[in-house]
Amino acid sequence: MSNKSVKISLYLKLITKISFPRLVNSFVSTFGLLWLFIEPATLVFPEKLNIGWLGYFGLAVLSFIFAIIQCRPRMAISKKLISPDSNIEIKIGDLFDENGHLVIGCNDTFDTEIGDIIRDSSIQGQFLTQVYRGDRSKLDADIEVALQPYHTERQEDFDKSRGKTWRYPIGTVITLSSHNKCYFLTAYGYMNNNLNIQSNTDYLMTSLNKLWKEVRQKCQGTGVAIPIIGSDLARVGLSRTELAKLIITSFIVETKRTFITKKLTVMIYVEDLDSIDFYDLQEFLESICF
């Protein structure tokens, strides 16, 4: 399927997700606002502004068109914070197509083995195949070097029979660099001995708070893209929409303390659109940014 066909298919999918109550609310608000100006004017200039039923029908049509435009599907929405000078974007697309630095969610053992441990379709799996071209030895070596400052905090789990056995504290963040691009690997979940990742809101908040500190130190103000971490197999108990709000809220709280980056992009994969309310996120973004 061509890129044009994919975009058309995605656009049609977004249209089906337009909320009817939101469309009606936009129509009523627009019609009411126009009527508020026109009706008093007809009292002052009754002969010139006697629009009649035909005029009100035209007013309704105009309001409906504006409502459709206002609720039209968008591939990306953004809002600028007044202080500090940062922009937050929610975007539908592929994380690895972004030009800025990227956030990669990991488990507490920083496992990299594709298969039963790490799915090839996961962000970690794609990170190995797309960035490291499937060279797991190279990735493991780079991770080990980056983890050296945390060796005093790690503990070995001899009961873990598959994958890596050294466990690092939840929230451990390391930075891998390649061609002036940083990859922030953050441990937000616990990999149990049954090879299932477990996480919760406390784990996520801990990892996000430490992530923003690392980003502040390493990204030099350049934009950072983050997927909705904790949304797949981590069993956090929150919807993707709630997780996206959590990520955005934690960023705003931390950036209000000290500037982090010029732009944060929260990425939503096309496959996840059925389980996320993109328009709800738009309203949330508009309400929380100030």
Protein backbone atom coordinates (compact mmCIF):
# COMPACT_ATOMS: atom_id res chain seq x y z
CA MET A 1 0.00 0.00 0.00
CA SER A 2 1.37 3.45 -1.00
CA ASN A 3 2.00 6.25 1.52
CA LYS A 4 -0.88 8.21 -0.04
CA SER A 5 -3.28 5.29 0.43
CA VAL A 6 -2.12 4.87 4.04
CA LYS A 7 -2.76 8.56 4.74
CA ILE A 8 -6.23 8.43 3.17
CA SER A 9 -7.07 5.30 5.17
CA LEU A 10 -5.83 6.93 8.37
CA TYR A 11 -7.79 10.12 7.66
CA LEU A 12 -11.00 8.15 7.12
CA LYS A 13 -10.34 6.28 10.35
CA LEU A 14 -10.00 9.56 12.22
CA ILE A 15 -13.27 10.82 10.73
CA THR A 16 -15.13 7.85 12.21
CA LYS A 17 -13.79 8.85 15.62
CA ILE A 18 -15.22 12.36 15.57
CA SER A 19 -17.55 12.64 18.54
CA PHE A 20 -21.13 13.51 17.53
CA PRO A 21 -21.77 15.42 20.81
CA ARG A 22 -18.56 17.41 20.18
CA LEU A 23 -19.76 18.25 16.65
CA VAL A 24 -23.19 19.30 17.94
CA ASN A 25 -21.62 21.38 20.70
CA SER A 26 -19.42 23.20 18.18
CA PHE A 27 -22.44 23.84 15.92
CA VAL A 28 -24.59 25.20 18.76
CA SER A 29 -21.78 27.41 20.08
CA THR A 30 -21.08 28.89 16.63
CA PHE A 31 -24.75 29.41 15.78
CA GLY A 32 -25.38 31.00 19.16
CA LEU A 33 -22.42 33.35 18.82
CA LEU A 34 -23.47 34.51 15.35
CA TRP A 35 -27.09 34.94 16.47
CA LEU A 36 -25.90 36.97 19.46
CA PHE A 37 -24.46 39.60 17.11
CA ILE A 38 -27.07 39.48 14.37
CA GLU A 39 -30.28 39.52 16.43
CA PRO A 40 -29.58 42.80 18.32
CA ALA A 41 -28.43 44.36 15.05
CA THR A 42 -31.79 43.60 13.45
CA LEU A 43 -33.49 45.65 16.17
CA VAL A 44 -31.32 48.66 15.35
CA PHE A 45 -31.48 48.25 11.56
CA PRO A 46 -34.73 46.30 11.02
CA GLU A 47 -35.04 47.13 7.33
CA LYS A 48 -31.44 46.38 6.35
CA LEU A 49 -30.94 43.24 8.46
CA ASN A 50 -34.32 41.54 8.12
CA ILE A 51 -32.73 38.23 7.09
CA GLY A 52 -35.86 36.08 7.57
CA TRP A 53 -36.05 32.31 7.64
CA LEU A 54 -33.80 31.95 4.63
CA GLY A 55 -31.12 33.97 6.35
CA TYR A 56 -31.33 31.87 9.51
CA PHE A 57 -31.08 28.72 7.39
CA GLY A 58 -27.92 30.12 5.81
CA LEU A 59 -26.65 30.94 9.30
CA ALA A 60 -27.25 27.32 10.34
CA VAL A 61 -25.42 26.01 7.26
CA LEU A 62 -22.49 28.33 7.94
CA SER A 63 -22.36 27.20 11.57
CA PHE A 64 -22.42 23.54 10.53
CA ILE A 65 -19.55 24.06 8.07
CA PHE A 66 -17.51 25.81 10.77
CA ALA A 67 -18.24 22.95 13.21
CA ILE A 68 -16.95 20.41 10.69
CA ILE A 69 -13.80 22.45 10.13
CA GLN A 70 -13.26 22.82 13.87
CA CYS A 71 -13.69 19.07 14.47
CA ARG A 72 -11.78 17.96 11.35
CA PRO A 73 -9.32 15.08 11.77
CA ARG A 74 -5.72 16.03 12.46
CA MET A 75 -2.53 14.01 12.29
CA ALA A 76 -0.92 16.16 14.96
CA ILE A 77 -2.00 18.70 17.56
CA SER A 78 0.27 21.00 19.49
CA LYS A 79 0.16 23.64 22.18
CA LYS A 80 2.79 26.07 23.34
CA LEU A 81 3.59 26.67 26.99
CA ILE A 82 3.84 30.34 27.83
CA SER A 83 6.54 29.78 30.41
CA PRO A 84 8.98 28.30 29.76
CA ASP A 85 9.16 28.46 25.97
CA SER A 86 8.29 24.83 25.20
CA ASN A 87 5.94 23.17 22.75
CA ILE A 88 3.99 19.96 23.41
CA GLU A 89 2.79 17.93 20.45
CA ILE A 90 0.65 14.80 20.19
CA LYS A 91 1.28 13.11 16.87
CA ILE A 92 0.11 10.03 15.02
CA GLY A 93 3.01 8.22 13.39
CA ASP A 94 6.14 6.12 13.83
CA LEU A 95 8.51 7.02 16.67
CA PHE A 96 11.55 6.13 14.59
CA ASP A 97 10.59 8.56 11.83
CA GLU A 98 11.14 11.50 14.21
CA ASN A 99 14.27 13.61 13.77
CA GLY A 100 14.84 14.50 17.42
CA HIS A 101 16.00 12.45 20.39
CA LEU A 102 13.93 9.38 21.28
CA VAL A 103 12.75 7.75 24.50
CA ILE A 104 12.82 3.95 24.66
CA GLY A 105 10.94 2.23 27.49
CA CYS A 106 12.78 -0.71 29.07
CA ASN A 107 12.49 -3.20 31.92
CA ASP A 108 14.67 -3.19 35.02
CA THR A 109 17.14 -5.73 33.57
CA PHE A 110 17.50 -3.94 30.21
CA ASP A 111 16.85 -7.17 28.31
CA THR A 112 17.38 -7.12 24.55
CA GLU A 113 16.73 -10.69 23.41
CA ILE A 114 14.04 -10.81 20.73
CA GLY A 115 11.44 -13.55 21.10
CA ASP A 116 9.81 -14.62 24.35
CA ILE A 117 11.55 -11.84 26.26
CA ILE A 118 11.24 -8.84 23.92
CA ARG A 119 8.71 -8.79 21.10
CA ASP A 120 10.11 -7.75 17.73
CA SER A 121 7.12 -5.39 17.24
CA SER A 122 7.74 -3.56 20.53
CA ILE A 123 9.61 -0.27 20.76
CA GLN A 124 12.63 -2.11 22.19
CA GLY A 125 12.46 -4.66 19.38
CA GLN A 126 12.26 -1.94 16.74
CA PHE A 127 15.11 -0.07 18.44
CA LEU A 128 17.34 -3.13 18.03
CA THR A 129 16.36 -3.80 14.41
CA GLN A 130 16.16 -0.23 13.10
CA VAL A 131 18.86 1.61 15.02
CA TYR A 132 21.32 -1.23 15.71
CA ARG A 133 20.46 -3.19 12.55
CA GLY A 134 19.84 -6.30 14.64
CA ASP A 135 23.32 -6.28 16.21
CA ARG A 136 22.36 -7.31 19.74
CA SER A 137 25.98 -7.73 20.87
CA LYS A 138 26.69 -4.10 20.01
CA LEU A 139 23.55 -2.92 21.78
CA ASP A 140 24.34 -4.98 24.90
CA ALA A 141 27.89 -3.62 24.97
CA ASP A 142 26.68 -0.01 24.73
CA ILE A 143 24.07 -0.60 27.44
CA GLU A 144 26.65 -2.16 29.74
CA VAL A 145 28.98 0.82 29.36
CA ALA A 146 26.14 3.26 30.05
CA LEU A 147 25.06 1.28 33.14
CA GLN A 148 28.48 1.29 34.81
CA PRO A 149 27.67 4.31 37.05
CA TYR A 150 24.75 2.29 38.46
CA HIS A 151 26.66 -0.91 39.26
CA THR A 152 26.65 -0.14 42.98
CA GLU A 153 22.83 -0.01 42.92
CA ARG A 154 22.16 -3.23 41.00
CA GLN A 155 21.27 -6.63 42.41
CA GLU A 156 21.65 -10.00 40.74
CA ASP A 157 18.58 -12.22 40.53
CA PHE A 158 19.73 -15.85 40.35
CA ASP A 159 16.12 -17.05 39.95
CA LYS A 160 15.80 -15.38 36.56
CA SER A 161 16.62 -18.18 34.13
CA ARG A 162 16.17 -16.27 30.83
CA GLY A 163 17.73 -13.01 29.75
CA LYS A 164 19.85 -10.75 31.90
CA THR A 165 20.00 -11.28 35.66
CA TRP A 166 21.25 -7.94 36.97
CA ARG A 167 18.37 -5.78 38.18
CA TYR A 168 18.59 -2.00 38.33
CA PRO A 169 16.31 0.34 40.31
CA ILE A 170 13.06 1.37 38.66
CA GLY A 171 13.65 4.76 37.06
CA THR A 172 17.22 4.05 36.00
CA VAL A 173 17.88 6.06 32.83
CA ILE A 174 20.80 5.66 30.45
CA THR A 175 21.64 7.58 27.29
CA LEU A 176 22.92 5.97 24.12
CA SER A 177 24.10 8.27 21.33
CA SER A 178 24.41 7.82 17.59
CA HIS A 179 25.01 10.48 14.91
CA ASN A 180 24.15 13.43 17.17
CA LYS A 181 20.97 11.68 18.26
CA CYS A 182 20.29 10.51 21.80
CA TYR A 183 18.24 7.50 22.82
CA PHE A 184 17.02 7.66 26.41
CA LEU A 185 16.42 4.16 27.79
CA THR A 186 14.29 4.29 30.93
CA ALA A 187 13.45 1.34 33.19
CA TYR A 188 9.76 1.74 33.97
CA GLY A 189 8.81 -1.90 34.61
CA TYR A 190 9.88 -4.99 36.52
CA MET A 191 10.63 -8.08 34.42
CA ASN A 192 9.49 -11.01 36.54
CA ASN A 193 10.91 -14.50 36.23
CA ASN A 194 7.97 -15.56 34.03
CA LEU A 195 9.16 -12.98 31.47
CA ASN A 196 6.18 -10.69 32.09
CA ILE A 197 6.72 -6.99 32.65
CA GLN A 198 4.95 -5.46 35.63
CA SER A 199 4.55 -1.76 36.24
CA ASN A 200 2.21 0.70 37.94
CA THR A 201 1.63 4.43 38.18
CA ASP A 202 4.25 4.82 40.91
CA TYR A 203 6.86 3.10 38.72
CA LEU A 204 5.87 5.28 35.77
CA MET A 205 6.04 8.52 37.73
CA THR A 206 9.44 7.56 39.15
CA SER A 207 10.80 6.74 35.71
CA LEU A 208 9.33 9.88 34.12
CA ASN A 209 10.70 12.20 36.80
CA LYS A 210 14.19 10.78 36.37
CA LEU A 211 13.81 10.73 32.60
CA TRP A 212 13.14 14.47 32.39
CA LYS A 213 16.24 15.18 34.48
CA GLU A 214 18.34 13.08 32.11
CA VAL A 215 16.79 14.73 29.06
CA ARG A 216 17.46 18.17 30.54
CA GLN A 217 21.15 17.33 30.94
CA LYS A 218 21.74 15.59 27.60
CA CYS A 219 19.36 16.89 24.92
CA GLN A 220 20.66 20.49 24.81
CA GLY A 221 17.16 21.80 24.21
CA THR A 222 16.58 19.73 21.06
CA GLY A 223 13.16 18.14 20.63
CA VAL A 224 12.39 14.76 22.21
CA ALA A 225 9.81 12.18 21.10
CA ILE A 226 8.32 9.66 23.51
CA PRO A 227 5.92 6.75 22.89
CA ILE A 228 3.09 5.99 25.31
CA ILE A 229 5.25 3.88 27.61
CA GLY A 230 3.46 1.38 29.84
CA SER A 231 0.65 0.88 27.33
CA ASP A 232 1.42 -2.59 26.02
CA LEU A 233 2.33 -5.53 28.26
CA ALA A 234 3.25 -3.65 31.42
CA ARG A 235 -0.19 -4.11 33.01
CA VAL A 236 -0.29 -0.62 34.48
CA GLY A 237 -4.08 -0.51 34.64
CA LEU A 238 -4.44 2.80 32.77
CA SER A 239 -5.78 3.35 29.28
CA ARG A 240 -3.52 4.74 26.55
CA THR A 241 -5.37 8.04 26.78
CA GLU A 242 -4.74 8.23 30.54
CA LEU A 243 -1.09 7.26 30.09
CA ALA A 244 -0.59 10.00 27.50
CA LYS A 245 -2.10 12.53 29.92
CA LEU A 246 0.20 11.26 32.67
CA ILE A 247 3.28 11.73 30.47
CA ILE A 248 2.24 15.24 29.46
CA THR A 249 1.36 16.27 33.00
CA SER A 250 4.67 15.04 34.43
CA PHE A 251 6.57 16.91 31.70
CA ILE A 252 4.72 20.17 32.37
CA VAL A 253 5.25 19.91 36.14
CA GLU A 254 8.98 19.29 35.70
CA THR A 255 9.51 21.86 32.95
CA LYS A 256 7.81 24.53 35.08
CA ARG A 257 10.58 23.97 37.60
CA THR A 258 13.42 24.14 35.10
CA PHE A 259 13.44 24.23 31.31
CA ILE A 260 13.86 20.76 29.74
CA THR A 261 13.51 20.98 25.96
CA LYS A 262 12.00 23.17 23.27
CA LYS A 263 9.61 20.46 22.16
CA LEU A 264 8.10 17.23 23.48
CA THR A 265 6.30 14.97 21.01
CA VAL A 266 4.06 12.20 22.32
CA MET A 267 3.80 9.58 19.59
CA ILE A 268 0.69 7.51 18.92
CA TYR A 269 0.98 4.53 16.62
CA VAL A 270 -1.74 4.10 13.99
CA GLU A 271 -2.49 0.63 15.36
CA ASP A 272 -3.36 2.18 18.75
CA LEU A 273 -6.01 4.60 17.46
CA ASP A 274 -8.81 2.17 18.25
CA SER A 275 -7.85 2.27 21.94
CA ILE A 276 -7.21 5.99 22.34
CA ASP A 277 -9.39 9.12 22.24
CA PHE A 278 -7.35 11.52 20.13
CA TYR A 279 -9.92 14.32 20.45
CA ASP A 280 -10.06 13.96 24.21
CA LEU A 281 -6.28 14.39 24.25
CA GLN A 282 -6.64 17.52 22.15
CA GLU A 283 -9.04 19.06 24.66
CA PHE A 284 -6.79 17.99 27.53
CA LEU A 285 -3.75 19.58 25.90
CA GLU A 286 -5.59 22.84 25.34
CA SER A 287 -6.77 22.94 28.95
CA ILE A 288 -3.52 22.08 30.70
CA CYS A 289 -1.00 24.22 28.75
CA PHE A 290 -0.53 27.71 30.10
